[in-house]
Amino acid sequence: MERQHMSTLAWIFGAPSLAATLCLTTAALWDYHIWVGLSLLVLLFLIVGVYLRGLITEQNLRVYRFDHQTETPLDQYGEPRLWRPDMQENPHRQ
C-alpha cells in the first residue's frame, strides 16, 4: 500500500480507538483525573515530538543549507563548471 493510504487507515482506526481509550481511562481513574490528563498530555507531546524529529532528516536539512551558486558554481548557461561523481549532465538541455 502507498504511504498515503496507510496514513489514512491509521487515522480512521486510530482516532476513534484513542478517543474510546481516553474516555475509558478517564472514567476508570476519575479520582486521579488531573494526573491522567497531565500524563496523556505529556504522552501527546512526546508523540508529536518523535513524529517531527522523524521529519527532520539530514537530507531535508541539506536541501535548505545547500547553496547551489557557491557549492556548485554554474557557467553562463546554468550548467555546473565542476562535476561531482554523483552528478550527470542534463540530456534534455540544448
N, C-alpha and C. Protein backbone atom coordinates (compact mmCIF):
# COMPACT_ATOMS: atom_id res chain seq x y z
N MET A 1 0.83 -1.19 0.00
CA MET A 1 0.00 0.00 0.00
C MET A 1 0.87 1.24 0.00
N GLU A 2 0.31 2.28 -0.55
CA GLU A 2 1.04 3.54 -0.55
C GLU A 2 1.05 4.16 0.83
N ARG A 3 1.99 5.06 1.03
CA ARG A 3 2.13 5.71 2.33
C ARG A 3 0.88 6.54 2.67
N GLN A 4 0.28 7.16 1.65
CA GLN A 4 -0.92 7.98 1.86
C GLN A 4 -2.07 7.13 2.38
N HIS A 5 -2.25 5.94 1.78
CA HIS A 5 -3.33 5.06 2.21
C HIS A 5 -3.10 4.55 3.62
N MET A 6 -1.85 4.26 3.94
CA MET A 6 -1.55 3.78 5.29
C MET A 6 -1.82 4.87 6.32
N SER A 7 -1.50 6.09 5.98
CA SER A 7 -1.75 7.21 6.88
C SER A 7 -3.25 7.41 7.09
N THR A 8 -4.01 7.28 6.02
CA THR A 8 -5.47 7.43 6.11
C THR A 8 -6.07 6.33 6.98
N LEU A 9 -5.62 5.10 6.77
CA LEU A 9 -6.11 3.99 7.60
C LEU A 9 -5.74 4.17 9.06
N ALA A 10 -4.55 4.68 9.31
CA ALA A 10 -4.14 4.91 10.69
C ALA A 10 -5.05 5.93 11.36
N TRP A 11 -5.42 6.98 10.63
CA TRP A 11 -6.33 7.97 11.20
C TRP A 11 -7.73 7.41 11.39
N ILE A 12 -8.21 6.62 10.43
CA ILE A 12 -9.57 6.09 10.51
C ILE A 12 -9.72 5.16 11.71
N PHE A 13 -8.73 4.32 11.95
CA PHE A 13 -8.83 3.38 13.06
C PHE A 13 -8.22 3.92 14.35
N GLY A 14 -7.23 4.78 14.23
CA GLY A 14 -6.53 5.27 15.40
C GLY A 14 -7.29 6.31 16.19
N ALA A 15 -7.93 7.25 15.51
CA ALA A 15 -8.62 8.34 16.21
C ALA A 15 -9.79 7.84 17.07
N PRO A 16 -10.69 7.00 16.54
CA PRO A 16 -11.76 6.50 17.41
C PRO A 16 -11.24 5.62 18.54
N SER A 17 -10.22 4.82 18.26
CA SER A 17 -9.65 3.98 19.32
C SER A 17 -9.03 4.82 20.41
N LEU A 18 -8.35 5.86 20.02
CA LEU A 18 -7.74 6.75 21.00
C LEU A 18 -8.79 7.47 21.83
N ALA A 19 -9.85 7.91 21.18
CA ALA A 19 -10.93 8.59 21.90
C ALA A 19 -11.61 7.65 22.90
N ALA A 20 -11.88 6.42 22.48
CA ALA A 20 -12.51 5.44 23.39
C ALA A 20 -11.59 5.12 24.56
N THR A 21 -10.30 4.94 24.27
CA THR A 21 -9.34 4.65 25.34
C THR A 21 -9.24 5.81 26.30
N LEU A 22 -9.24 7.01 25.81
CA LEU A 22 -9.18 8.20 26.66
C LEU A 22 -10.41 8.29 27.56
N CYS A 23 -11.58 8.05 27.00
CA CYS A 23 -12.83 8.11 27.80
C CYS A 23 -12.84 7.03 28.88
N LEU A 24 -12.49 5.81 28.51
CA LEU A 24 -12.48 4.71 29.49
C LEU A 24 -11.44 4.93 30.58
N THR A 25 -10.28 5.40 30.19
CA THR A 25 -9.22 5.64 31.19
C THR A 25 -9.63 6.76 32.15
N THR A 26 -10.18 7.81 31.62
CA THR A 26 -10.61 8.92 32.48
C THR A 26 -11.74 8.50 33.40
N ALA A 27 -12.69 7.72 32.87
CA ALA A 27 -13.81 7.27 33.71
C ALA A 27 -13.35 6.31 34.80
N ALA A 28 -12.44 5.40 34.46
CA ALA A 28 -11.98 4.41 35.43
C ALA A 28 -11.10 5.06 36.50
N LEU A 29 -10.37 6.06 36.13
CA LEU A 29 -9.45 6.69 37.08
C LEU A 29 -9.89 8.12 37.40
N TRP A 30 -11.19 8.33 37.58
CA TRP A 30 -11.70 9.68 37.78
C TRP A 30 -11.11 10.36 39.01
N ASP A 31 -10.80 9.58 40.05
CA ASP A 31 -10.20 10.18 41.25
C ASP A 31 -8.85 10.82 40.94
N TYR A 32 -8.22 10.32 39.91
CA TYR A 32 -6.90 10.84 39.52
C TYR A 32 -6.95 11.55 38.17
N HIS A 33 -8.09 12.18 37.86
CA HIS A 33 -8.26 12.74 36.52
C HIS A 33 -7.23 13.82 36.17
N ILE A 34 -6.75 14.56 37.15
CA ILE A 34 -5.72 15.56 36.88
C ILE A 34 -4.43 14.87 36.42
N TRP A 35 -4.03 13.83 37.14
CA TRP A 35 -2.79 13.11 36.79
C TRP A 35 -2.94 12.38 35.46
N VAL A 36 -4.10 11.81 35.23
CA VAL A 36 -4.34 11.12 33.96
C VAL A 36 -4.27 12.12 32.81
N GLY A 37 -4.90 13.26 32.98
CA GLY A 37 -4.88 14.29 31.94
C GLY A 37 -3.47 14.79 31.66
N LEU A 38 -2.71 15.05 32.72
CA LEU A 38 -1.33 15.51 32.53
C LEU A 38 -0.48 14.44 31.85
N SER A 39 -0.67 13.20 32.27
CA SER A 39 0.09 12.10 31.67
C SER A 39 -0.23 11.96 30.18
N LEU A 40 -1.50 12.05 29.83
CA LEU A 40 -1.88 11.94 28.42
C LEU A 40 -1.38 13.14 27.61
N LEU A 41 -1.36 14.30 28.23
CA LEU A 41 -0.84 15.49 27.56
C LEU A 41 0.67 15.35 27.30
N VAL A 42 1.40 14.87 28.29
CA VAL A 42 2.83 14.63 28.11
C VAL A 42 3.06 13.58 27.03
N LEU A 43 2.26 12.53 27.04
CA LEU A 43 2.38 11.49 26.02
C LEU A 43 2.10 12.05 24.63
N LEU A 44 1.11 12.91 24.51
CA LEU A 44 0.81 13.54 23.23
C LEU A 44 1.99 14.39 22.75
N PHE A 45 2.58 15.17 23.64
CA PHE A 45 3.74 15.98 23.26
C PHE A 45 4.91 15.11 22.84
N LEU A 46 5.12 13.99 23.53
CA LEU A 46 6.19 13.09 23.14
C LEU A 46 5.96 12.49 21.76
N ILE A 47 4.74 12.09 21.48
CA ILE A 47 4.42 11.50 20.18
C ILE A 47 4.63 12.53 19.07
N VAL A 48 4.15 13.74 19.28
CA VAL A 48 4.33 14.80 18.27
C VAL A 48 5.82 15.11 18.10
N GLY A 49 6.57 15.14 19.19
CA GLY A 49 8.00 15.40 19.11
C GLY A 49 8.74 14.34 18.32
N VAL A 50 8.42 13.08 18.57
CA VAL A 50 9.07 11.98 17.83
C VAL A 50 8.68 12.04 16.36
N TYR A 51 7.43 12.36 16.07
CA TYR A 51 6.99 12.48 14.67
C TYR A 51 7.74 13.60 13.96
N LEU A 52 7.83 14.76 14.61
CA LEU A 52 8.53 15.88 13.99
C LEU A 52 10.02 15.60 13.85
N ARG A 53 10.59 14.89 14.80
CA ARG A 53 12.01 14.53 14.71
C ARG A 53 12.23 13.60 13.51
N GLY A 54 11.29 12.75 13.22
CA GLY A 54 11.41 11.87 12.06
C GLY A 54 11.33 12.62 10.75
N LEU A 55 10.61 13.75 10.74
CA LEU A 55 10.51 14.54 9.52
C LEU A 55 11.79 15.31 9.21
N ILE A 56 12.52 15.65 10.28
CA ILE A 56 13.74 16.43 10.10
C ILE A 56 14.90 15.46 9.91
N THR A 57 15.18 15.15 8.68
CA THR A 57 16.29 14.26 8.37
C THR A 57 17.45 15.08 7.81
N GLU A 58 18.60 14.45 7.73
CA GLU A 58 19.77 15.14 7.21
C GLU A 58 19.55 15.59 5.77
N GLN A 59 18.88 14.77 4.97
CA GLN A 59 18.65 15.15 3.58
C GLN A 59 17.74 16.38 3.49
N ASN A 60 16.71 16.44 4.31
CA ASN A 60 15.83 17.60 4.30
C ASN A 60 16.58 18.86 4.73
N LEU A 61 17.43 18.74 5.74
CA LEU A 61 18.21 19.89 6.17
C LEU A 61 19.20 20.32 5.10
N ARG A 62 19.76 19.36 4.37
CA ARG A 62 20.74 19.68 3.34
C ARG A 62 20.09 20.48 2.20
N VAL A 63 18.83 20.21 1.92
CA VAL A 63 18.13 20.95 0.88
C VAL A 63 18.09 22.43 1.25
N TYR A 64 17.87 22.74 2.51
CA TYR A 64 17.83 24.13 2.93
C TYR A 64 19.22 24.76 3.00
N ARG A 65 20.23 23.97 3.40
CA ARG A 65 21.57 24.51 3.58
C ARG A 65 22.34 24.61 2.27
N PHE A 66 22.03 23.78 1.31
CA PHE A 66 22.83 23.68 0.09
C PHE A 66 22.60 24.90 -0.79
N ASP A 67 23.66 25.66 -1.00
CA ASP A 67 23.59 26.85 -1.85
C ASP A 67 24.26 26.50 -3.17
N HIS A 68 23.47 26.31 -4.21
CA HIS A 68 24.00 25.85 -5.48
C HIS A 68 24.97 26.84 -6.12
N GLN A 69 24.77 28.12 -5.89
CA GLN A 69 25.64 29.11 -6.52
C GLN A 69 27.05 29.09 -5.94
N THR A 70 27.19 28.78 -4.67
CA THR A 70 28.52 28.76 -4.07
C THR A 70 29.12 27.36 -4.05
N GLU A 71 28.31 26.34 -3.80
CA GLU A 71 28.84 24.99 -3.72
C GLU A 71 28.95 24.32 -5.08
N THR A 72 28.14 24.71 -6.04
CA THR A 72 28.22 24.21 -7.40
C THR A 72 28.24 25.42 -8.33
N PRO A 73 29.42 25.95 -8.62
CA PRO A 73 29.47 27.13 -9.50
C PRO A 73 28.94 26.80 -10.88
N LEU A 74 28.10 27.68 -11.41
CA LEU A 74 27.48 27.47 -12.71
C LEU A 74 28.09 28.41 -13.75
N ASP A 75 28.08 27.97 -15.00
CA ASP A 75 28.54 28.84 -16.08
C ASP A 75 27.38 29.71 -16.55
N GLN A 76 27.59 30.47 -17.64
CA GLN A 76 26.55 31.40 -18.10
C GLN A 76 25.31 30.69 -18.62
N TYR A 77 25.42 29.37 -18.93
CA TYR A 77 24.26 28.61 -19.43
C TYR A 77 23.54 27.86 -18.32
N GLY A 78 24.02 28.00 -17.10
CA GLY A 78 23.38 27.33 -15.98
C GLY A 78 23.87 25.92 -15.74
N GLU A 79 24.91 25.50 -16.43
CA GLU A 79 25.49 24.17 -16.24
C GLU A 79 26.62 24.26 -15.22
N PRO A 80 26.79 23.23 -14.41
CA PRO A 80 27.88 23.26 -13.43
C PRO A 80 29.25 23.26 -14.11
N ARG A 81 30.17 24.04 -13.53
CA ARG A 81 31.54 24.04 -14.04
C ARG A 81 32.30 22.83 -13.54
N LEU A 82 31.99 22.41 -12.33
CA LEU A 82 32.64 21.25 -11.72
C LEU A 82 31.60 20.14 -11.58
N TRP A 83 31.96 18.96 -12.02
CA TRP A 83 31.04 17.82 -11.91
C TRP A 83 31.50 16.92 -10.78
N ARG A 84 30.64 16.76 -9.78
CA ARG A 84 30.92 15.79 -8.72
C ARG A 84 30.66 14.40 -9.27
N PRO A 85 31.19 13.36 -8.62
CA PRO A 85 30.99 11.99 -9.13
C PRO A 85 29.51 11.57 -9.18
N ASP A 86 28.68 12.15 -8.32
CA ASP A 86 27.27 11.75 -8.30
C ASP A 86 26.41 12.60 -9.24
N MET A 87 27.02 13.50 -10.01
CA MET A 87 26.27 14.36 -10.91
C MET A 87 26.37 13.82 -12.34
N GLN A 88 25.37 14.13 -13.13
CA GLN A 88 25.41 13.77 -14.55
C GLN A 88 24.86 14.92 -15.37
N GLU A 89 25.27 14.95 -16.61
CA GLU A 89 24.84 16.02 -17.49
C GLU A 89 23.35 15.88 -17.81
N ASN A 90 22.66 17.01 -17.93
CA ASN A 90 21.24 17.02 -18.26
C ASN A 90 21.09 16.72 -19.75
N PRO A 91 20.51 15.54 -20.10
CA PRO A 91 20.40 15.19 -21.51
C PRO A 91 19.33 16.01 -22.25
N HIS A 92 18.43 16.66 -21.52
CA HIS A 92 17.35 17.43 -22.15
C HIS A 92 17.73 18.88 -22.40
N ARG A 93 18.87 19.29 -21.94
CA ARG A 93 19.29 20.68 -22.12
C ARG A 93 19.92 20.85 -23.50
N GLN A 94 19.59 21.93 -24.15
CA GLN A 94 20.12 22.16 -25.51
C GLN A 94 21.25 23.15 -25.49
